Amino acid sequence: MLCVSHKTRQPIVLSAAPYSEIVMRLRSNLLTTLQALEIPSNQIRVELPETESVVYAKTNDRSILGTINDYRGALELHHKLERIRDYRDIQWMSLWLSETPMRTLGWKYPREATREALASEAKPKLRLVCPSSPL
């Protein structure tokens, strides 16, 4: 499953099954991704409690859906080119996708936008959008 931050376009890749544990895996993968992006631990401690309550809703935001489709296409192409040999390496996929310059961010990288957003005082910082169907 591929989730994307609405504000920073930071991708979080996670396994879809079992569905009953998605919130736990999302929080865990978010934590490890933020750590890998070298987000200061004090900023992570502030952000993680914001993910405790989860709301499931459909999105018609074409920009977000376009980002998810672009990321999915990039992962599928790299898999076909045998650059992704193991789909279980979801941490690598999240970090690799965060190196994709995004037009919606003024051609910034999601990793940079995430660092900037978490350094600011504004809330909410990261709002994750996940499609209802896995990759």
C-alpha atoms as a PDB file:
ATOM      1  CA  MET A   1       0.000   0.000   0.000  1.00  0.00           C
ATOM      2  CA  LEU A   2       1.239   3.488  -0.781  1.00  0.00           C
ATOM      3  CA  CYS A   3       0.345   6.466   1.389  1.00  0.00           C
ATOM      4  CA  VAL A   4       1.309  10.045   0.624  1.00  0.00           C
ATOM      5  CA  SER A   5       1.480  13.161   2.764  1.00  0.00           C
ATOM      6  CA  HIS A   6      -0.998  15.684   1.437  1.00  0.00           C
ATOM      7  CA  LYS A   7       1.283  18.638   2.196  1.00  0.00           C
ATOM      8  CA  THR A   8       4.782  17.278   1.474  1.00  0.00           C
ATOM      9  CA  ARG A   9       4.064  14.353  -0.880  1.00  0.00           C
ATOM     10  CA  GLN A  10       6.275  12.193   1.357  1.00  0.00           C
ATOM     11  CA  PRO A  11       5.521   8.575   0.434  1.00  0.00           C
ATOM     12  CA  ILE A  12       5.111   5.839   3.022  1.00  0.00           C
ATOM     13  CA  VAL A  13       5.022   2.324   1.584  1.00  0.00           C
ATOM     14  CA  LEU A  14       3.589  -0.475   3.708  1.00  0.00           C
ATOM     15  CA  SER A  15       2.263  -3.969   3.256  1.00  0.00           C
ATOM     16  CA  ALA A  16      -1.524  -4.106   2.950  1.00  0.00           C
ATOM     17  CA  ALA A  17      -2.089  -7.352   4.831  1.00  0.00           C
ATOM     18  CA  PRO A  18      -3.312  -7.955   7.414  1.00  0.00           C
ATOM     19  CA  TYR A  19      -5.650  -5.017   7.046  1.00  0.00           C
ATOM     20  CA  SER A  20      -6.505  -4.933  10.735  1.00  0.00           C
ATOM     21  CA  GLU A  21      -2.919  -3.844  11.516  1.00  0.00           C
ATOM     22  CA  ILE A  22      -2.595  -1.087   8.902  1.00  0.00           C
ATOM     23  CA  VAL A  23      -2.653   1.784  11.407  1.00  0.00           C
ATOM     24  CA  MET A  24       0.089   0.149  13.488  1.00  0.00           C
ATOM     25  CA  ARG A  25       2.237  -0.499  10.375  1.00  0.00           C
ATOM     26  CA  LEU A  26       1.619   2.999   9.061  1.00  0.00           C
ATOM     27  CA  ARG A  27       2.836   4.551  12.318  1.00  0.00           C
ATOM     28  CA  SER A  28       5.825   2.204  12.424  1.00  0.00           C
ATOM     29  CA  ASN A  29       6.803   2.875   8.807  1.00  0.00           C
ATOM     30  CA  LEU A  30       6.315   6.605   9.291  1.00  0.00           C
ATOM     31  CA  LEU A  31       8.645   6.490  12.306  1.00  0.00           C
ATOM     32  CA  THR A  32      11.386   4.588  10.467  1.00  0.00           C
ATOM     33  CA  THR A  33      11.043   6.807   7.387  1.00  0.00           C
ATOM     34  CA  LEU A  34      11.305  10.006   9.426  1.00  0.00           C
ATOM     35  CA  GLN A  35      14.345   8.593  11.220  1.00  0.00           C
ATOM     36  CA  ALA A  36      15.945   7.648   7.895  1.00  0.00           C
ATOM     37  CA  LEU A  37      15.286  11.188   6.638  1.00  0.00           C
ATOM     38  CA  GLU A  38      17.259  12.354   9.693  1.00  0.00           C
ATOM     39  CA  ILE A  39      14.347  14.277  11.170  1.00  0.00           C
ATOM     40  CA  PRO A  40      15.345  15.333  14.703  1.00  0.00           C
ATOM     41  CA  SER A  41      13.856  13.044  17.348  1.00  0.00           C
ATOM     42  CA  ASN A  42      12.133  15.945  19.140  1.00  0.00           C
ATOM     43  CA  GLN A  43      10.203  16.741  15.931  1.00  0.00           C
ATOM     44  CA  ILE A  44       9.298  13.063  15.486  1.00  0.00           C
ATOM     45  CA  ARG A  45       8.026  12.917  19.084  1.00  0.00           C
ATOM     46  CA  VAL A  46       5.714  15.843  18.347  1.00  0.00           C
ATOM     47  CA  GLU A  47       4.454  14.432  15.038  1.00  0.00           C
ATOM     48  CA  LEU A  48       3.778  10.768  15.895  1.00  0.00           C
ATOM     49  CA  PRO A  49       0.954  11.406  18.391  1.00  0.00           C
ATOM     50  CA  GLU A  50      -0.838  13.237  15.562  1.00  0.00           C
ATOM     51  CA  THR A  51      -1.173   9.871  13.777  1.00  0.00           C
ATOM     52  CA  GLU A  52      -2.970   8.138  16.653  1.00  0.00           C
ATOM     53  CA  SER A  53      -6.422   9.019  15.396  1.00  0.00           C
ATOM     54  CA  VAL A  54      -7.151   7.817  11.890  1.00  0.00           C
ATOM     55  CA  VAL A  55     -10.010   8.874   9.652  1.00  0.00           C
ATOM     56  CA  TYR A  56     -10.868   6.824   6.586  1.00  0.00           C
ATOM     57  CA  ALA A  57     -12.333   8.844   3.753  1.00  0.00           C
ATOM     58  CA  LYS A  58     -12.312   8.899  -0.031  1.00  0.00           C
ATOM     59  CA  THR A  59     -10.381  11.576  -1.841  1.00  0.00           C
ATOM     60  CA  ASN A  60     -11.187  13.198  -5.145  1.00  0.00           C
ATOM     61  CA  ASP A  61      -8.066  15.358  -4.970  1.00  0.00           C
ATOM     62  CA  ARG A  62      -6.673  14.828  -8.448  1.00  0.00           C
ATOM     63  CA  SER A  63      -3.274  16.132  -7.415  1.00  0.00           C
ATOM     64  CA  ILE A  64      -2.883  13.535  -4.652  1.00  0.00           C
ATOM     65  CA  LEU A  65      -4.238  10.754  -6.860  1.00  0.00           C
ATOM     66  CA  GLY A  66      -1.814  11.834  -9.598  1.00  0.00           C
ATOM     67  CA  THR A  67       1.100  11.672  -7.163  1.00  0.00           C
ATOM     68  CA  ILE A  68       0.075   8.191  -6.015  1.00  0.00           C
ATOM     69  CA  ASN A  69      -0.243   7.037  -9.636  1.00  0.00           C
ATOM     70  CA  ASP A  70       3.162   8.516 -10.536  1.00  0.00           C
ATOM     71  CA  TYR A  71       4.809   6.780  -7.575  1.00  0.00           C
ATOM     72  CA  ARG A  72       3.082   3.497  -8.400  1.00  0.00           C
ATOM     73  CA  GLY A  73       4.209   3.740 -12.021  1.00  0.00           C
ATOM     74  CA  ALA A  74       7.803   4.426 -10.978  1.00  0.00           C
ATOM     75  CA  LEU A  75       7.826   1.384  -8.679  1.00  0.00           C
ATOM     76  CA  GLU A  76       6.305  -0.838 -11.371  1.00  0.00           C
ATOM     77  CA  LEU A  77       8.838   0.339 -13.978  1.00  0.00           C
ATOM     78  CA  HIS A  78      11.788  -0.255 -11.666  1.00  0.00           C
ATOM     79  CA  HIS A  79      10.451  -3.694 -10.866  1.00  0.00           C
ATOM     80  CA  LYS A  80      10.161  -4.512 -14.586  1.00  0.00           C
ATOM     81  CA  LEU A  81      13.726  -3.271 -15.113  1.00  0.00           C
ATOM     82  CA  GLU A  82      14.754  -5.544 -12.217  1.00  0.00           C
ATOM     83  CA  ARG A  83      15.988  -2.656 -10.105  1.00  0.00           C
ATOM     84  CA  ILE A  84      13.580  -3.711  -7.374  1.00  0.00           C
ATOM     85  CA  ARG A  85      14.248  -7.352  -6.682  1.00  0.00           C
ATOM     86  CA  ASP A  86      12.351  -7.628  -3.447  1.00  0.00           C
ATOM     87  CA  TYR A  87       9.049  -5.882  -2.823  1.00  0.00           C
ATOM     88  CA  ARG A  88       9.483  -6.599   0.872  1.00  0.00           C
ATOM     89  CA  ASP A  89      12.082  -3.805   1.107  1.00  0.00           C
ATOM     90  CA  ILE A  90       9.404  -1.210   1.688  1.00  0.00           C
ATOM     91  CA  GLN A  91      11.697   1.144   3.614  1.00  0.00           C
ATOM     92  CA  TRP A  92      13.943   1.479   0.562  1.00  0.00           C
ATOM     93  CA  MET A  93      10.927   2.156  -1.648  1.00  0.00           C
ATOM     94  CA  SER A  94       9.674   4.970   0.607  1.00  0.00           C
ATOM     95  CA  LEU A  95      13.093   6.614   0.693  1.00  0.00           C
ATOM     96  CA  TRP A  96      13.714   6.154  -3.024  1.00  0.00           C
ATOM     97  CA  LEU A  97      10.378   7.735  -3.911  1.00  0.00           C
ATOM     98  CA  SER A  98      11.110  10.664  -1.580  1.00  0.00           C
ATOM     99  CA  GLU A  99      13.932  11.563  -3.982  1.00  0.00           C
ATOM    100  CA  THR A 100      11.414  12.324  -6.751  1.00  0.00           C
ATOM    101  CA  PRO A 101      11.126  16.055  -7.528  1.00  0.00           C
ATOM    102  CA  MET A 102       7.470  17.063  -7.404  1.00  0.00           C
ATOM    103  CA  ARG A 103       5.913  19.780  -9.528  1.00  0.00           C
ATOM    104  CA  THR A 104       3.282  20.448  -6.849  1.00  0.00           C
ATOM    105  CA  LEU A 105       6.142  21.330  -4.479  1.00  0.00           C
ATOM    106  CA  GLY A 106       7.847  23.697  -6.920  1.00  0.00           C
ATOM    107  CA  TRP A 107      10.153  20.825  -7.981  1.00  0.00           C
ATOM    108  CA  LYS A 108      11.304  20.197  -4.424  1.00  0.00           C
ATOM    109  CA  TYR A 109      11.911  16.703  -3.175  1.00  0.00           C
ATOM    110  CA  PRO A 110       9.358  15.281  -0.715  1.00  0.00           C
ATOM    111  CA  ARG A 111      12.160  14.589   1.774  1.00  0.00           C
ATOM    112  CA  GLU A 112      13.074  18.301   1.755  1.00  0.00           C
ATOM    113  CA  ALA A 113       9.446  19.403   2.046  1.00  0.00           C
ATOM    114  CA  THR A 114       8.972  16.993   4.962  1.00  0.00           C
ATOM    115  CA  ARG A 115      12.016  18.347   6.792  1.00  0.00           C
ATOM    116  CA  GLU A 116      10.786  21.917   6.292  1.00  0.00           C
ATOM    117  CA  ALA A 117       7.220  21.110   7.369  1.00  0.00           C
ATOM    118  CA  LEU A 118       8.304  19.353  10.552  1.00  0.00           C
ATOM    119  CA  ALA A 119      10.667  22.201  11.435  1.00  0.00           C
ATOM    120  CA  SER A 120       7.814  24.725  11.241  1.00  0.00           C
ATOM    121  CA  GLU A 121       5.347  25.482  14.000  1.00  0.00           C
ATOM    122  CA  ALA A 122       2.210  24.917  11.872  1.00  0.00           C
ATOM    123  CA  LYS A 123      -0.151  21.987  12.558  1.00  0.00           C
ATOM    124  CA  PRO A 124      -1.101  19.527  11.212  1.00  0.00           C
ATOM    125  CA  LYS A 125       2.225  18.882   9.565  1.00  0.00           C
ATOM    126  CA  LEU A 126       1.798  15.575   7.788  1.00  0.00           C
ATOM    127  CA  ARG A 127      -1.625  14.401   6.676  1.00  0.00           C
ATOM    128  CA  LEU A 128      -1.341  11.010   5.023  1.00  0.00           C
ATOM    129  CA  VAL A 129      -3.649   9.887   2.245  1.00  0.00           C
ATOM    130  CA  CYS A 130      -3.843   6.177   1.464  1.00  0.00           C
ATOM    131  CA  PRO A 131      -5.792   4.686  -1.432  1.00  0.00           C
ATOM    132  CA  SER A 132      -8.383   2.050  -0.606  1.00  0.00           C
ATOM    133  CA  SER A 133      -6.607  -0.544  -2.748  1.00  0.00           C
ATOM    134  CA  PRO A 134      -2.975  -1.668  -2.411  1.00  0.00           C
ATOM    135  CA  LEU A 135      -0.316  -1.156  -5.071  1.00  0.00           C
END
